[in-house]
C-alpha atoms as a PDB file:
ATOM      1  CA  THR A   1     115.117  88.445  71.116  1.00  0.00           C
ATOM      2  CA  ALA A   2     115.534  92.123  70.165  1.00  0.00           C
ATOM      3  CA  ILE A   3     113.029  93.415  72.881  1.00  0.00           C
ATOM      4  CA  GLY A   4     114.710  90.971  75.475  1.00  0.00           C
ATOM      5  CA  ALA A   5     117.995  92.387  74.798  1.00  0.00           C
ATOM      6  CA  SER A   6     116.908  96.065  74.931  1.00  0.00           C
ATOM      7  CA  GLY A   7     116.352  98.252  77.790  1.00  0.00           C
ATOM      8  CA  LEU A   8     112.610  97.528  77.777  1.00  0.00           C
ATOM      9  CA  GLY A   9     113.217  93.715  78.003  1.00  0.00           C
ATOM     10  CA  THR A  10     112.849  93.675  81.854  1.00  0.00           C
ATOM     11  CA  VAL A  11     109.639  95.634  81.645  1.00  0.00           C
ATOM     12  CA  ALA A  12     108.357  93.178  78.942  1.00  0.00           C
ATOM     13  CA  LYS A  13     109.236  90.185  80.819  1.00  0.00           C
ATOM     14  CA  PHE A  14     107.697  91.596  84.064  1.00  0.00           C
ATOM     15  CA  SER A  15     104.570  92.453  82.137  1.00  0.00           C
ATOM     16  CA  VAL A  16     104.098  88.713  80.975  1.00  0.00           C
ATOM     17  CA  ALA A  17     105.318  87.169  84.341  1.00  0.00           C
ATOM     18  CA  PHE A  18     103.113  89.242  86.703  1.00  0.00           C
ATOM     19  CA  PRO A  19      99.544  88.116  85.440  1.00  0.00           C
ATOM     20  CA  LEU A  20     100.754  84.574  85.147  1.00  0.00           C
ATOM     21  CA  THR A  21     102.252  84.279  88.706  1.00  0.00           C
ATOM     22  CA  TYR A  22      99.369  86.336  90.238  1.00  0.00           C
ATOM     23  CA  HIS A  23      96.869  83.951  88.922  1.00  0.00           C
ATOM     24  CA  TYR A  24      98.943  81.043  89.880  1.00  0.00           C
ATOM     25  CA  VAL A  25      99.322  82.276  93.518  1.00  0.00           C
ATOM     26  CA  CYS A  26      95.636  83.039  93.702  1.00  0.00           C
ATOM     27  CA  GLY A  27      94.944  79.483  92.660  1.00  0.00           C
ATOM     28  CA  ILE A  28      97.127  78.239  95.343  1.00  0.00           C
ATOM     29  CA  ARG A  29      95.327  80.336  97.825  1.00  0.00           C
ATOM     30  CA  HIS A  30      91.809  78.887  96.550  1.00  0.00           C
ATOM     31  CA  ILE A  31      93.113  75.347  97.075  1.00  0.00           C
ATOM     32  CA  VAL A  32      94.285  76.230 100.628  1.00  0.00           C
ATOM     33  CA  TRP A  33      90.722  77.608 101.283  1.00  0.00           C
ATOM     34  CA  ASP A  34      88.957  74.690  99.991  1.00  0.00           C
ATOM     35  CA  HIS A  35      91.206  72.175 101.941  1.00  0.00           C
ATOM     36  CA  TYR A  36      91.315  74.016 105.267  1.00  0.00           C
ATOM     37  CA  VAL A  37      88.216  76.161 105.191  1.00  0.00           C
ATOM     38  CA  MET A  38      89.493  78.998 107.219  1.00  0.00           C
ATOM     39  CA  GLY A  39      90.317  82.717 106.841  1.00  0.00           C
ATOM     40  CA  PHE A  40      86.913  83.848 105.760  1.00  0.00           C
ATOM     41  CA  ASN A  41      86.664  87.116 107.514  1.00  0.00           C
ATOM     42  CA  ASN A  42      87.387  90.724 106.300  1.00  0.00           C
ATOM     43  CA  ASP A  43      90.803  91.005 108.178  1.00  0.00           C
ATOM     44  CA  SER A  44      92.098  87.662 106.810  1.00  0.00           C
ATOM     45  CA  MET A  45      90.895  88.278 103.302  1.00  0.00           C
ATOM     46  CA  ALA A  46      92.668  91.607 103.323  1.00  0.00           C
ATOM     47  CA  GLN A  47      95.952  90.082 104.655  1.00  0.00           C
ATOM     48  CA  SER A  48      95.814  87.336 102.227  1.00  0.00           C
ATOM     49  CA  SER A  49      95.257  89.688  99.338  1.00  0.00           C
ATOM     50  CA  LEU A  50      98.310  91.714 100.345  1.00  0.00           C
ATOM     51  CA  LEU A  51     100.217  88.402 100.727  1.00  0.00           C
ATOM     52  CA  VAL A  52      99.399  87.244  97.156  1.00  0.00           C
ATOM     53  CA  ALA A  53     100.241  90.720  95.609  1.00  0.00           C
ATOM     54  CA  GLY A  54     103.762  90.644  97.363  1.00  0.00           C
ATOM     55  CA  VAL A  55     104.605  87.126  96.506  1.00  0.00           C
ATOM     56  CA  SER A  56     103.461  87.783  92.922  1.00  0.00           C
ATOM     57  CA  LEU A  57     105.716  90.948  92.772  1.00  0.00           C
ATOM     58  CA  CYS A  58     108.608  89.051  94.070  1.00  0.00           C
ATOM     59  CA  ILE A  59     108.325  86.028  91.929  1.00  0.00           C
ATOM     60  CA  SER A  60     107.665  88.315  88.765  1.00  0.00           C
ATOM     61  CA  GLY A  61     110.641  90.443  89.538  1.00  0.00           C
ATOM     62  CA  GLY A  62     112.920  87.677  89.910  1.00  0.00           C
ATOM     63  CA  ALA A  63     111.661  86.099  86.730  1.00  0.00           C
ATOM     64  CA  ALA A  64     112.064  89.436  84.842  1.00  0.00           C
ATOM     65  CA  LEU A  65     115.714  89.724  85.973  1.00  0.00           C
ATOM     66  CA  LEU A  66     116.502  86.320  84.718  1.00  0.00           C
END
């Protein structure tokens, strides 16, 4: 509780939220790949990686600010 109330609370929450959301979003990406079997070239892989990173950052940032 003390860490959450301090100035480092947001950083601590983000440090916990980011790995969890990143792996969750990557899991969703793999489920989509398994189901639709598409997007397996270098350009699509790079785009989906950027999308995963961006979505994870947004979700983690939102969770850290709660």
